[in-house]
PDB file of N, CA and C in Angstrom:
ATOM      1  N   UNK A   1     -16.765  28.225   0.996  1.00  0.00           N
ATOM      2  CA  UNK A   1     -15.712  27.240   1.008  1.00  0.00           C
ATOM      3  C   UNK A   1     -16.303  25.891   1.402  1.00  0.00           C
ATOM      4  N   UNK A   2     -17.025  25.286   0.526  1.00  0.00           N
ATOM      5  CA  UNK A   2     -17.667  24.025   0.851  1.00  0.00           C
ATOM      6  C   UNK A   2     -16.953  22.839   0.220  1.00  0.00           C
ATOM      7  N   UNK A   3     -15.916  23.097  -0.551  1.00  0.00           N
ATOM      8  CA  UNK A   3     -15.218  21.991  -1.205  1.00  0.00           C
ATOM      9  C   UNK A   3     -13.976  21.625  -0.413  1.00  0.00           C
ATOM     10  N   UNK A   4     -13.748  20.301  -0.231  1.00  0.00           N
ATOM     11  CA  UNK A   4     -12.595  19.883   0.569  1.00  0.00           C
ATOM     12  C   UNK A   4     -11.261  20.383   0.048  1.00  0.00           C
ATOM     13  N   UNK A   5     -11.084  20.417  -1.262  1.00  0.00           N
ATOM     14  CA  UNK A   5      -9.781  20.868  -1.764  1.00  0.00           C
ATOM     15  C   UNK A   5      -9.565  22.335  -1.444  1.00  0.00           C
ATOM     16  N   UNK A   6     -10.649  23.131  -1.358  1.00  0.00           N
ATOM     17  CA  UNK A   6     -10.512  24.524  -0.933  1.00  0.00           C
ATOM     18  C   UNK A   6     -10.089  24.590   0.536  1.00  0.00           C
ATOM     19  N   UNK A   7     -10.675  23.719   1.351  1.00  0.00           N
ATOM     20  CA  UNK A   7     -10.308  23.675   2.765  1.00  0.00           C
ATOM     21  C   UNK A   7      -8.855  23.240   2.926  1.00  0.00           C
ATOM     22  N   UNK A   8      -8.441  22.253   2.130  1.00  0.00           N
ATOM     23  CA  UNK A   8      -7.040  21.823   2.161  1.00  0.00           C
ATOM     24  C   UNK A   8      -6.130  22.998   1.813  1.00  0.00           C
ATOM     25  N   UNK A   9      -6.467  23.723   0.765  1.00  0.00           N
ATOM     26  CA  UNK A   9      -5.639  24.846   0.318  1.00  0.00           C
ATOM     27  C   UNK A   9      -5.548  25.914   1.395  1.00  0.00           C
ATOM     28  N   UNK A  10      -6.689  26.228   2.007  1.00  0.00           N
ATOM     29  CA  UNK A  10      -6.683  27.253   3.053  1.00  0.00           C
ATOM     30  C   UNK A  10      -5.857  26.796   4.250  1.00  0.00           C
ATOM     31  N   UNK A  11      -6.058  25.554   4.679  1.00  0.00           N
ATOM     32  CA  UNK A  11      -5.312  25.032   5.825  1.00  0.00           C
ATOM     33  C   UNK A  11      -3.819  24.952   5.501  1.00  0.00           C
ATOM     34  N   UNK A  12      -3.487  24.603   4.276  1.00  0.00           N
ATOM     35  CA  UNK A  12      -2.086  24.475   3.874  1.00  0.00           C
ATOM     36  C   UNK A  12      -1.373  25.819   3.904  1.00  0.00           C
ATOM     37  N   UNK A  13      -2.095  26.900   3.635  1.00  0.00           N
ATOM     38  CA  UNK A  13      -1.483  28.226   3.690  1.00  0.00           C
ATOM     39  C   UNK A  13      -1.053  28.578   5.105  1.00  0.00           C
ATOM     40  N   UNK A  14      -1.717  27.967   6.101  1.00  0.00           N
ATOM     41  CA  UNK A  14      -1.414  28.271   7.492  1.00  0.00           C
ATOM     42  C   UNK A  14      -0.508  27.233   8.136  1.00  0.00           C
ATOM     43  N   UNK A  15      -0.196  26.175   7.416  1.00  0.00           N
ATOM     44  CA  UNK A  15       0.631  25.110   7.997  1.00  0.00           C
ATOM     45  C   UNK A  15       1.399  24.390   6.899  1.00  0.00           C
ATOM     46  N   UNK A  16       2.632  24.049   7.199  1.00  0.00           N
ATOM     47  CA  UNK A  16       3.417  23.243   6.271  1.00  0.00           C
ATOM     48  C   UNK A  16       3.302  21.758   6.595  1.00  0.00           C
ATOM     49  N   UNK A  17       2.605  21.440   7.671  1.00  0.00           N
ATOM     50  CA  UNK A  17       2.486  20.069   8.129  1.00  0.00           C
ATOM     51  C   UNK A  17       1.233  19.424   7.516  1.00  0.00           C
ATOM     52  N   UNK A  18       1.404  18.441   6.616  1.00  0.00           N
ATOM     53  CA  UNK A  18       0.244  17.801   5.983  1.00  0.00           C
ATOM     54  C   UNK A  18      -0.693  17.142   6.989  1.00  0.00           C
ATOM     55  N   UNK A  19      -0.143  16.635   8.081  1.00  0.00           N
ATOM     56  CA  UNK A  19      -0.988  16.017   9.113  1.00  0.00           C
ATOM     57  C   UNK A  19      -1.914  17.052   9.736  1.00  0.00           C
ATOM     58  N   UNK A  20      -1.406  18.243   9.949  1.00  0.00           N
ATOM     59  CA  UNK A  20      -2.221  19.312  10.529  1.00  0.00           C
ATOM     60  C   UNK A  20      -3.311  19.741   9.544  1.00  0.00           C
ATOM     61  N   UNK A  21      -2.977  19.785   8.273  1.00  0.00           N
ATOM     62  CA  UNK A  21      -3.967  20.136   7.240  1.00  0.00           C
ATOM     63  C   UNK A  21      -5.088  19.104   7.239  1.00  0.00           C
ATOM     64  N   UNK A  22      -4.721  17.825   7.250  1.00  0.00           N
ATOM     65  CA  UNK A  22      -5.729  16.764   7.245  1.00  0.00           C
ATOM     66  C   UNK A  22      -6.592  16.825   8.496  1.00  0.00           C
ATOM     67  N   UNK A  23      -5.970  17.068   9.645  1.00  0.00           N
ATOM     68  CA  UNK A  23      -6.726  17.176  10.893  1.00  0.00           C
ATOM     69  C   UNK A  23      -7.701  18.346  10.835  1.00  0.00           C
ATOM     70  N   UNK A  24      -7.277  19.446  10.259  1.00  0.00           N
ATOM     71  CA  UNK A  24      -8.130  20.631  10.165  1.00  0.00           C
ATOM     72  C   UNK A  24      -9.380  20.361   9.322  1.00  0.00           C
ATOM     73  N   UNK A  25      -9.214  19.731   8.170  1.00  0.00           N
ATOM     74  CA  UNK A  25     -10.390  19.488   7.327  1.00  0.00           C
ATOM     75  C   UNK A  25     -11.306  18.444   7.954  1.00  0.00           C
ATOM     76  N   UNK A  26     -10.741  17.462   8.658  1.00  0.00           N
ATOM     77  CA  UNK A  26     -11.588  16.483   9.356  1.00  0.00           C
ATOM     78  C   UNK A  26     -12.384  17.153  10.469  1.00  0.00           C
ATOM     79  N   UNK A  27     -11.757  18.056  11.209  1.00  0.00           N
ATOM     80  CA  UNK A  27     -12.471  18.763  12.273  1.00  0.00           C
ATOM     81  C   UNK A  27     -13.547  19.681  11.701  1.00  0.00           C
ATOM     82  N   UNK A  28     -13.279  20.267  10.545  1.00  0.00           N
ATOM     83  CA  UNK A  28     -14.300  21.105   9.908  1.00  0.00           C
ATOM     84  C   UNK A  28     -15.508  20.249   9.529  1.00  0.00           C
ATOM     85  N   UNK A  29     -15.269  19.076   8.971  1.00  0.00           N
ATOM     86  CA  UNK A  29     -16.375  18.189   8.600  1.00  0.00           C
ATOM     87  C   UNK A  29     -17.149  17.754   9.839  1.00  0.00           C
ATOM     88  N   UNK A  30     -16.433  17.398  10.905  1.00  0.00           N
ATOM     89  CA  UNK A  30     -17.097  16.993  12.148  1.00  0.00           C
ATOM     90  C   UNK A  30     -17.929  18.133  12.716  1.00  0.00           C
ATOM     91  N   UNK A  31     -17.398  19.330  12.655  1.00  0.00           N
ATOM     92  CA  UNK A  31     -18.129  20.504  13.150  1.00  0.00           C
ATOM     93  C   UNK A  31     -19.400  20.749  12.345  1.00  0.00           C
ATOM     94  N   UNK A  32     -19.297  20.617  11.027  1.00  0.00           N
ATOM     95  CA  UNK A  32     -20.491  20.786  10.179  1.00  0.00           C
ATOM     96  C   UNK A  32     -21.552  19.767  10.536  1.00  0.00           C
ATOM     97  N   UNK A  33     -21.146  18.502  10.709  1.00  0.00           N
ATOM     98  CA  UNK A  33     -22.106  17.461  11.084  1.00  0.00           C
ATOM     99  C   UNK A  33     -22.737  17.770  12.436  1.00  0.00           C
ATOM    100  N   UNK A  34     -21.929  18.240  13.376  1.00  0.00           N
ATOM    101  CA  UNK A  34     -22.451  18.545  14.707  1.00  0.00           C
ATOM    102  C   UNK A  34     -23.458  19.687  14.643  1.00  0.00           C
ATOM    103  N   UNK A  35     -23.185  20.704  13.843  1.00  0.00           N
ATOM    104  CA  UNK A  35     -24.123  21.820  13.682  1.00  0.00           C
ATOM    105  C   UNK A  35     -25.434  21.342  13.062  1.00  0.00           C
ATOM    106  N   UNK A  36     -25.334  20.485  12.068  1.00  0.00           N
ATOM    107  CA  UNK A  36     -26.530  19.944  11.421  1.00  0.00           C
ATOM    108  C   UNK A  36     -27.337  19.130  12.426  1.00  0.00           C
ATOM    109  N   UNK A  37     -26.662  18.282  13.177  1.00  0.00           N
ATOM    110  CA  UNK A  37     -27.340  17.431  14.162  1.00  0.00           C
ATOM    111  C   UNK A  37     -28.046  18.281  15.214  1.00  0.00           C
ATOM    112  N   UNK A  38     -27.381  19.301  15.700  1.00  0.00           N
ATOM    113  CA  UNK A  38     -27.940  20.159  16.743  1.00  0.00           C
ATOM    114  C   UNK A  38     -29.170  20.926  16.252  1.00  0.00           C
ATOM    115  N   UNK A  39     -29.152  21.349  15.006  1.00  0.00           N
ATOM    116  CA  UNK A  39     -30.248  22.153  14.456  1.00  0.00           C
ATOM    117  C   UNK A  39     -31.338  21.316  13.781  1.00  0.00           C
ATOM    118  N   UNK A  40     -31.191  20.006  13.777  1.00  0.00           N
ATOM    119  CA  UNK A  40     -32.124  19.100  13.075  1.00  0.00           C
ATOM    120  C   UNK A  40     -33.530  19.283  13.621  1.00  0.00           C
ATOM    121  N   UNK A  41     -34.491  19.394  12.722  1.00  0.00           N
ATOM    122  CA  UNK A  41     -35.903  19.451  13.113  1.00  0.00           C
ATOM    123  C   UNK A  41     -36.592  18.221  12.543  1.00  0.00           C
ATOM    124  N   UNK A  42     -37.857  18.318  12.272  1.00  0.00           N
ATOM    125  CA  UNK A  42     -38.613  17.176  11.754  1.00  0.00           C
ATOM    126  C   UNK A  42     -38.223  16.802  10.328  1.00  0.00           C
ATOM    127  N   UNK A  43     -37.731  17.745   9.572  1.00  0.00           N
ATOM    128  CA  UNK A  43     -37.363  17.453   8.180  1.00  0.00           C
ATOM    129  C   UNK A  43     -35.839  17.388   8.040  1.00  0.00           C
ATOM    130  N   UNK A  44     -35.399  16.726   6.998  1.00  0.00           N
ATOM    131  CA  UNK A  44     -33.971  16.589   6.729  1.00  0.00           C
ATOM    132  C   UNK A  44     -33.386  17.959   6.386  1.00  0.00           C
ATOM    133  N   UNK A  45     -32.323  18.370   7.070  1.00  0.00           N
ATOM    134  CA  UNK A  45     -31.723  19.673   6.794  1.00  0.00           C
ATOM    135  C   UNK A  45     -31.184  19.765   5.364  1.00  0.00           C
ATOM    136  N   UNK A  46     -31.346  20.933   4.769  1.00  0.00           N
ATOM    137  CA  UNK A  46     -30.903  21.151   3.391  1.00  0.00           C
ATOM    138  C   UNK A  46     -29.384  21.040   3.261  1.00  0.00           C
ATOM    139  N   UNK A  47     -28.656  21.345   4.334  1.00  0.00           N
ATOM    140  CA  UNK A  47     -27.197  21.312   4.252  1.00  0.00           C
ATOM    141  C   UNK A  47     -26.603  19.929   4.556  1.00  0.00           C
ATOM    142  N   UNK A  48     -27.454  18.914   4.743  1.00  0.00           N
ATOM    143  CA  UNK A  48     -26.942  17.574   5.022  1.00  0.00           C
ATOM    144  C   UNK A  48     -26.198  16.993   3.827  1.00  0.00           C
ATOM    145  N   UNK A  49     -26.799  17.012   2.650  1.00  0.00           N
ATOM    146  CA  UNK A  49     -26.138  16.421   1.479  1.00  0.00           C
ATOM    147  C   UNK A  49     -24.804  17.092   1.147  1.00  0.00           C
ATOM    148  N   UNK A  50     -24.726  18.429   1.166  1.00  0.00           N
ATOM    149  CA  UNK A  50     -23.410  19.037   0.920  1.00  0.00           C
ATOM    150  C   UNK A  50     -22.367  18.647   1.982  1.00  0.00           C
ATOM    151  N   UNK A  51     -22.789  18.516   3.230  1.00  0.00           N
ATOM    152  CA  UNK A  51     -21.850  18.115   4.288  1.00  0.00           C
ATOM    153  C   UNK A  51     -21.398  16.671   4.081  1.00  0.00           C
ATOM    154  N   UNK A  52     -22.314  15.805   3.689  1.00  0.00           N
ATOM    155  CA  UNK A  52     -21.948  14.412   3.411  1.00  0.00           C
ATOM    156  C   UNK A  52     -20.988  14.323   2.224  1.00  0.00           C
ATOM    157  N   UNK A  53     -21.240  15.118   1.198  1.00  0.00           N
ATOM    158  CA  UNK A  53     -20.358  15.147   0.029  1.00  0.00           C
ATOM    159  C   UNK A  53     -18.964  15.644   0.424  1.00  0.00           C
ATOM    160  N   UNK A  54     -18.921  16.692   1.209  1.00  0.00           N
ATOM    161  CA  UNK A  54     -17.646  17.234   1.692  1.00  0.00           C
ATOM    162  C   UNK A  54     -16.847  16.155   2.417  1.00  0.00           C
ATOM    163  N   UNK A  55     -17.506  15.470   3.347  1.00  0.00           N
ATOM    164  CA  UNK A  55     -16.838  14.425   4.124  1.00  0.00           C
ATOM    165  C   UNK A  55     -16.425  13.247   3.246  1.00  0.00           C
ATOM    166  N   UNK A  56     -17.308  12.841   2.354  1.00  0.00           N
ATOM    167  CA  UNK A  56     -16.988  11.716   1.464  1.00  0.00           C
ATOM    168  C   UNK A  56     -15.794  12.051   0.582  1.00  0.00           C
ATOM    169  N   UNK A  57     -15.701  13.290   0.146  1.00  0.00           N
ATOM    170  CA  UNK A  57     -14.571  13.705  -0.684  1.00  0.00           C
ATOM    171  C   UNK A  57     -13.259  13.642   0.101  1.00  0.00           C
ATOM    172  N   UNK A  58     -13.291  14.077   1.348  1.00  0.00           N
ATOM    173  CA  UNK A  58     -12.102  13.980   2.199  1.00  0.00           C
ATOM    174  C   UNK A  58     -11.659  12.528   2.302  1.00  0.00           C
ATOM    175  N   UNK A  59     -12.617  11.640   2.588  1.00  0.00           N
ATOM    176  CA  UNK A  59     -12.274  10.233   2.769  1.00  0.00           C
ATOM    177  C   UNK A  59     -11.894   9.569   1.450  1.00  0.00           C
ATOM    178  N   UNK A  60     -12.395  10.075   0.342  1.00  0.00           N
ATOM    179  CA  UNK A  60     -11.967   9.568  -0.964  1.00  0.00           C
ATOM    180  C   UNK A  60     -10.498   9.925  -1.199  1.00  0.00           C
ATOM    181  N   UNK A  61     -10.123  11.119  -0.803  1.00  0.00           N
ATOM    182  CA  UNK A  61      -8.721  11.542  -0.925  1.00  0.00           C
ATOM    183  C   UNK A  61      -7.840  10.638  -0.068  1.00  0.00           C
ATOM    184  N   UNK A  62      -8.268  10.378   1.162  1.00  0.00           N
ATOM    185  CA  UNK A  62      -7.496   9.487   2.038  1.00  0.00           C
ATOM    186  C   UNK A  62      -7.382   8.093   1.433  1.00  0.00           C
ATOM    187  N   UNK A  63      -8.520   7.551   0.985  1.00  0.00           N
ATOM    188  CA  UNK A  63      -8.526   6.183   0.431  1.00  0.00           C
ATOM    189  C   UNK A  63      -7.629   6.093  -0.794  1.00  0.00           C
ATOM    190  N   UNK A  64      -7.694   7.092  -1.635  1.00  0.00           N
ATOM    191  CA  UNK A  64      -6.878   7.097  -2.844  1.00  0.00           C
ATOM    192  C   UNK A  64      -5.390   7.180  -2.496  1.00  0.00           C
ATOM    193  N   UNK A  65      -5.056   8.036  -1.543  1.00  0.00           N
ATOM    194  CA  UNK A  65      -3.636   8.225  -1.221  1.00  0.00           C
ATOM    195  C   UNK A  65      -3.022   6.986  -0.575  1.00  0.00           C
ATOM    196  N   UNK A  66      -3.794   6.246   0.222  1.00  0.00           N
ATOM    197  CA  UNK A  66      -3.200   5.065   0.876  1.00  0.00           C
ATOM    198  C   UNK A  66      -3.145   3.855  -0.042  1.00  0.00           C
ATOM    199  N   UNK A  67      -3.855   3.902  -1.153  1.00  0.00           N
ATOM    200  CA  UNK A  67      -3.814   2.764  -2.077  1.00  0.00           C
ATOM    201  C   UNK A  67      -2.799   2.976  -3.196  1.00  0.00           C
ATOM    202  N   UNK A  68      -2.188   4.152  -3.249  1.00  0.00           N
ATOM    203  CA  UNK A  68      -1.156   4.405  -4.251  1.00  0.00           C
ATOM    204  C   UNK A  68       0.138   3.703  -3.855  1.00  0.00           C
ATOM    205  N   UNK A  69       0.852   3.209  -4.834  1.00  0.00           N
ATOM    206  CA  UNK A  69       2.090   2.483  -4.562  1.00  0.00           C
ATOM    207  C   UNK A  69       3.156   3.374  -3.927  1.00  0.00           C
ATOM    208  N   UNK A  70       3.060   4.691  -4.105  1.00  0.00           N
ATOM    209  CA  UNK A  70       4.039   5.621  -3.546  1.00  0.00           C
ATOM    210  C   UNK A  70       3.809   5.923  -2.072  1.00  0.00           C
ATOM    211  N   UNK A  71       2.696   5.446  -1.509  1.00  0.00           N
ATOM    212  CA  UNK A  71       2.399   5.720  -0.106  1.00  0.00           C
ATOM    213  C   UNK A  71       3.520   5.190   0.781  1.00  0.00           C
ATOM    214  N   UNK A  72       3.987   6.051   1.682  1.00  0.00           N
ATOM    215  CA  UNK A  72       5.076   5.665   2.568  1.00  0.00           C
ATOM    216  C   UNK A  72       4.580   5.201   3.930  1.00  0.00           C
ATOM    217  N   UNK A  73       3.266   5.148   4.103  1.00  0.00           N
ATOM    218  CA  UNK A  73       2.712   4.682   5.365  1.00  0.00           C
ATOM    219  C   UNK A  73       2.891   3.172   5.488  1.00  0.00           C
ATOM    220  N   UNK A  74       3.027   2.691   6.712  1.00  0.00           N
ATOM    221  CA  UNK A  74       3.103   1.240   6.904  1.00  0.00           C
ATOM    222  C   UNK A  74       1.820   0.560   6.411  1.00  0.00           C
ATOM    223  N   UNK A  75       1.974  -0.665   5.971  1.00  0.00           N
ATOM    224  CA  UNK A  75       0.856  -1.412   5.385  1.00  0.00           C
ATOM    225  C   UNK A  75      -0.350  -1.464   6.327  1.00  0.00           C
ATOM    226  N   UNK A  76      -0.120  -1.693   7.602  1.00  0.00           N
ATOM    227  CA  UNK A  76      -1.223  -1.792   8.566  1.00  0.00           C
ATOM    228  C   UNK A  76      -2.012  -0.492   8.650  1.00  0.00           C
ATOM    229  N   UNK A  77      -1.333   0.629   8.663  1.00  0.00           N
ATOM    230  CA  UNK A  77      -2.017   1.930   8.723  1.00  0.00           C
ATOM    231  C   UNK A  77      -2.778   2.178   7.434  1.00  0.00           C
ATOM    232  N   UNK A  78      -2.169   1.850   6.300  1.00  0.00           N
ATOM    233  CA  UNK A  78      -2.870   2.011   5.012  1.00  0.00           C
ATOM    234  C   UNK A  78      -4.147   1.183   5.006  1.00  0.00           C
ATOM    235  N   UNK A  79      -4.072  -0.041   5.487  1.00  0.00           N
ATOM    236  CA  UNK A  79      -5.242  -0.914   5.522  1.00  0.00           C
ATOM    237  C   UNK A  79      -6.320  -0.353   6.457  1.00  0.00           C
ATOM    238  N   UNK A  80      -5.902   0.164   7.601  1.00  0.00           N
ATOM    239  CA  UNK A  80      -6.866   0.741   8.541  1.00  0.00           C
ATOM    240  C   UNK A  80      -7.580   1.947   7.941  1.00  0.00           C
ATOM    241  N   UNK A  81      -6.851   2.798   7.260  1.00  0.00           N
ATOM    242  CA  UNK A  81      -7.455   3.976   6.629  1.00  0.00           C
ATOM    243  C   UNK A  81      -8.401   3.540   5.508  1.00  0.00           C
ATOM    244  N   UNK A  82      -7.992   2.559   4.723  1.00  0.00           N
ATOM    245  CA  UNK A  82      -8.859   2.053   3.653  1.00  0.00           C
ATOM    246  C   UNK A  82     -10.146   1.479   4.239  1.00  0.00           C
ATOM    247  N   UNK A  83     -10.039   0.715   5.328  1.00  0.00           N
ATOM    248  CA  UNK A  83     -11.224   0.143   5.961  1.00  0.00           C
ATOM    249  C   UNK A  83     -12.132   1.219   6.539  1.00  0.00           C
ATOM    250  N   UNK A  84     -11.541   2.231   7.185  1.00  0.00           N
ATOM    251  CA  UNK A  84     -12.339   3.346   7.698  1.00  0.00           C
ATOM    252  C   UNK A  84     -13.040   4.078   6.562  1.00  0.00           C
ATOM    253  N   UNK A  85     -12.340   4.254   5.455  1.00  0.00           N
ATOM    254  CA  UNK A  85     -12.939   4.929   4.301  1.00  0.00           C
ATOM    255  C   UNK A  85     -14.159   4.165   3.805  1.00  0.00           C
ATOM    256  N   UNK A  86     -14.036   2.865   3.693  1.00  0.00           N
ATOM    257  CA  UNK A  86     -15.163   2.038   3.244  1.00  0.00           C
ATOM    258  C   UNK A  86     -16.328   2.177   4.217  1.00  0.00           C
ATOM    259  N   UNK A  87     -16.034   2.156   5.511  1.00  0.00           N
ATOM    260  CA  UNK A  87     -17.084   2.329   6.509  1.00  0.00           C
ATOM    261  C   UNK A  87     -17.771   3.682   6.351  1.00  0.00           C
ATOM    262  N   UNK A  88     -16.975   4.740   6.180  1.00  0.00           N
ATOM    263  CA  UNK A  88     -17.531   6.092   6.012  1.00  0.00           C
ATOM    264  C   UNK A  88     -18.422   6.144   4.770  1.00  0.00           C
ATOM    265  N   UNK A  89     -17.985   5.517   3.679  1.00  0.00           N
ATOM    266  CA  UNK A  89     -18.794   5.514   2.454  1.00  0.00           C
ATOM    267  C   UNK A  89     -20.124   4.805   2.686  1.00  0.00           C
ATOM    268  N   UNK A  90     -20.082   3.665   3.359  1.00  0.00           N
ATOM    269  CA  UNK A  90     -21.314   2.918   3.638  1.00  0.00           C
ATOM    270  C   UNK A  90     -22.248   3.710   4.553  1.00  0.00           C
ATOM    271  N   UNK A  91     -21.694   4.305   5.592  1.00  0.00           N
ATOM    272  CA  UNK A  91     -22.523   5.089   6.514  1.00  0.00           C
ATOM    273  C   UNK A  91     -23.132   6.287   5.800  1.00  0.00           C
ATOM    274  N   UNK A  92     -22.398   6.891   4.900  1.00  0.00           N
ATOM    275  CA  UNK A  92     -22.917   8.026   4.139  1.00  0.00           C
ATOM    276  C   UNK A  92     -24.148   7.608   3.338  1.00  0.00           C
ATOM    277  N   UNK A  93     -24.076   6.466   2.691  1.00  0.00           N
ATOM    278  CA  UNK A  93     -25.217   5.961   1.917  1.00  0.00           C
ATOM    279  C   UNK A  93     -26.400   5.680   2.840  1.00  0.00           C
ATOM    280  N   UNK A  94     -26.129   5.095   4.006  1.00  0.00           N
ATOM    281  CA  UNK A  94     -27.199   4.822   4.967  1.00  0.00           C
ATOM    282  C   UNK A  94     -27.878   6.119   5.406  1.00  0.00           C
ATOM    283  N   UNK A  95     -27.090   7.136   5.680  1.00  0.00           N
ATOM    284  CA  UNK A  95     -27.650   8.422   6.116  1.00  0.00           C
ATOM    285  C   UNK A  95     -28.471   9.050   4.999  1.00  0.00           C
ATOM    286  N   UNK A  96     -27.994   8.946   3.774  1.00  0.00           N
ATOM    287  CA  UNK A  96     -28.739   9.513   2.655  1.00  0.00           C
ATOM    288  C   UNK A  96     -30.055   8.776   2.422  1.00  0.00           C
ATOM    289  N   UNK A  97     -30.065   7.472   2.659  1.00  0.00           N
ATOM    290  CA  UNK A  97     -31.291   6.713   2.415  1.00  0.00           C
ATOM    291  C   UNK A  97     -32.270   6.795   3.584  1.00  0.00           C
ATOM    292  N   UNK A  98     -31.762   6.925   4.802  1.00  0.00           N
ATOM    293  CA  UNK A  98     -32.618   7.021   5.987  1.00  0.00           C
ATOM    294  C   UNK A  98     -32.047   8.088   6.918  1.00  0.00           C
ATOM    295  N   UNK A  99     -32.231   9.354   6.596  1.00  0.00           N
ATOM    296  CA  UNK A  99     -31.627  10.422   7.388  1.00  0.00           C
ATOM    297  C   UNK A  99     -32.161  10.453   8.828  1.00  0.00           C
ATOM    298  N   UNK A 100     -31.238  10.538   9.763  1.00  0.00           N
ATOM    299  CA  UNK A 100     -31.566  10.696  11.181  1.00  0.00           C
ATOM    300  C   UNK A 100     -30.369  11.352  11.862  1.00  0.00           C
ATOM    301  N   UNK A 101     -30.629  12.297  12.764  1.00  0.00           N
ATOM    302  CA  UNK A 101     -29.512  13.034  13.372  1.00  0.00           C
ATOM    303  C   UNK A 101     -28.523  12.149  14.117  1.00  0.00           C
ATOM    304  N   UNK A 102     -29.012  11.114  14.799  1.00  0.00           N
ATOM    305  CA  UNK A 102     -28.106  10.257  15.572  1.00  0.00           C
ATOM    306  C   UNK A 102     -27.165   9.447  14.685  1.00  0.00           C
ATOM    307  N   UNK A 103     -27.500   9.296  13.414  1.00  0.00           N
ATOM    308  CA  UNK A 103     -26.623   8.562  12.504  1.00  0.00           C
ATOM    309  C   UNK A 103     -25.345   9.340  12.192  1.00  0.00           C
ATOM    310  N   UNK A 104     -25.352  10.638  12.475  1.00  0.00           N
ATOM    311  CA  UNK A 104     -24.156  11.457  12.242  1.00  0.00           C
ATOM    312  C   UNK A 104     -23.094  11.243  13.319  1.00  0.00           C
ATOM    313  N   UNK A 105     -23.511  10.705  14.475  1.00  0.00           N
ATOM    314  CA  UNK A 105     -22.577  10.556  15.597  1.00  0.00           C
ATOM    315  C   UNK A 105     -21.311   9.800  15.213  1.00  0.00           C
ATOM    316  N   UNK A 106     -21.461   8.707  14.505  1.00  0.00           N
ATOM    317  CA  UNK A 106     -20.284   7.895  14.187  1.00  0.00           C
ATOM    318  C   UNK A 106     -19.331   8.644  13.247  1.00  0.00           C
ATOM    319  N   UNK A 107     -19.869   9.400  12.304  1.00  0.00           N
ATOM    320  CA  UNK A 107     -18.995  10.177  11.417  1.00  0.00           C
ATOM    321  C   UNK A 107     -18.289  11.287  12.192  1.00  0.00           C
ATOM    322  N   UNK A 108     -19.022  11.919  13.092  1.00  0.00           N
ATOM    323  CA  UNK A 108     -18.418  12.957  13.936  1.00  0.00           C
ATOM    324  C   UNK A 108     -17.275  12.355  14.747  1.00  0.00           C
ATOM    325  N   UNK A 109     -17.540  11.221  15.383  1.00  0.00           N
ATOM    326  CA  UNK A 109     -16.530  10.586  16.238  1.00  0.00           C
ATOM    327  C   UNK A 109     -15.313  10.111  15.448  1.00  0.00           C
ATOM    328  N   UNK A 110     -15.548   9.487  14.304  1.00  0.00           N
ATOM    329  CA  UNK A 110     -14.413   9.030  13.484  1.00  0.00           C
ATOM    330  C   UNK A 110     -13.550  10.209  13.076  1.00  0.00           C
ATOM    331  N   UNK A 111     -14.172  11.264  12.566  1.00  0.00           N
ATOM    332  CA  UNK A 111     -13.404  12.425  12.119  1.00  0.00           C
ATOM    333  C   UNK A 111     -12.615  13.041  13.275  1.00  0.00           C
ATOM    334  N   UNK A 112     -13.253  13.168  14.430  1.00  0.00           N
ATOM    335  CA  UNK A 112     -12.561  13.759  15.581  1.00  0.00           C
ATOM    336  C   UNK A 112     -11.405  12.882  16.057  1.00  0.00           C
ATOM    337  N   UNK A 113     -11.629  11.577  16.110  1.00  0.00           N
ATOM    338  CA  UNK A 113     -10.585  10.672  16.579  1.00  0.00           C
ATOM    339  C   UNK A 113      -9.395  10.639  15.620  1.00  0.00           C
ATOM    340  N   UNK A 114      -9.673  10.573  14.337  1.00  0.00           N
ATOM    341  CA  UNK A 114      -8.575  10.564  13.365  1.00  0.00           C
ATOM    342  C   UNK A 114      -7.838  11.904  13.393  1.00  0.00           C
ATOM    343  N   UNK A 115      -8.579  13.002  13.508  1.00  0.00           N
ATOM    344  CA  UNK A 115      -7.937  14.319  13.599  1.00  0.00           C
ATOM    345  C   UNK A 115      -7.051  14.399  14.839  1.00  0.00           C
ATOM    346  N   UNK A 116      -7.533  13.902  15.967  1.00  0.00           N
ATOM    347  CA  UNK A 116      -6.729  13.906  17.196  1.00  0.00           C
ATOM    348  C   UNK A 116      -5.443  13.091  17.005  1.00  0.00           C
ATOM    349  N   UNK A 117      -5.561  11.949  16.344  1.00  0.00           N
ATOM    350  CA  UNK A 117      -4.384  11.133  16.074  1.00  0.00           C
ATOM    351  C   UNK A 117      -3.388  11.846  15.166  1.00  0.00           C
ATOM    352  N   UNK A 118      -3.914  12.564  14.181  1.00  0.00           N
ATOM    353  CA  UNK A 118      -3.033  13.289  13.265  1.00  0.00           C
ATOM    354  C   UNK A 118      -2.317  14.451  13.973  1.00  0.00           C
ATOM    355  N   UNK A 119      -2.950  15.014  14.973  1.00  0.00           N
ATOM    356  CA  UNK A 119      -2.355  16.153  15.681  1.00  0.00           C
ATOM    357  C   UNK A 119      -1.265  15.718  16.655  1.00  0.00           C
ATOM    358  N   UNK A 120      -1.227  14.423  16.993  1.00  0.00           N
ATOM    359  CA  UNK A 120      -0.160  13.937  17.871  1.00  0.00           C
ATOM    360  C   UNK A 120       1.131  13.881  17.089  1.00  0.00           C
ATOM    361  N   UNK A 121       2.195  14.187  17.756  1.00  0.00           N
ATOM    362  CA  UNK A 121       3.507  14.130  17.116  1.00  0.00           C
ATOM    363  C   UNK A 121       3.899  12.675  16.931  1.00  0.00           C
ATOM    364  N   UNK A 122       4.355  12.302  15.714  1.00  0.00           N
ATOM    365  CA  UNK A 122       4.762  10.918  15.484  1.00  0.00           C
ATOM    366  C   UNK A 122       5.950  10.530  16.378  1.00  0.00           C
ATOM    367  N   UNK A 123       5.936   9.273  16.783  1.00  0.00           N
ATOM    368  CA  UNK A 123       7.019   8.793  17.656  1.00  0.00           C
ATOM    369  C   UNK A 123       8.294   8.559  16.886  1.00  0.00           C
TER     370      UNK A 123
END
């Protein structure tokens, strides 16, 4: 189950709450990055590119959904998600061009923070 849409489908079977589904796939991506970082040796781990692709796909889904005219999120939140998506895309390219375990920290933190926000009950 390395594809984000598969993770979405699996999480959706266990929850009717889209926010919980999104939080689950973000935490899975963060966990994968953390495992890669912890096991990193002198060479670039073979599972780095698939993990980056998985994460980029999640953020592509987010970016696409907030730029659609049907999005019901407030404009400020849509803009914040779009900006985070752009940052994630840029960081992904940086990691691919100059792989280093510490470069994963920001992706881990972003995914965890956004997942935590999604798990909070809306006011």
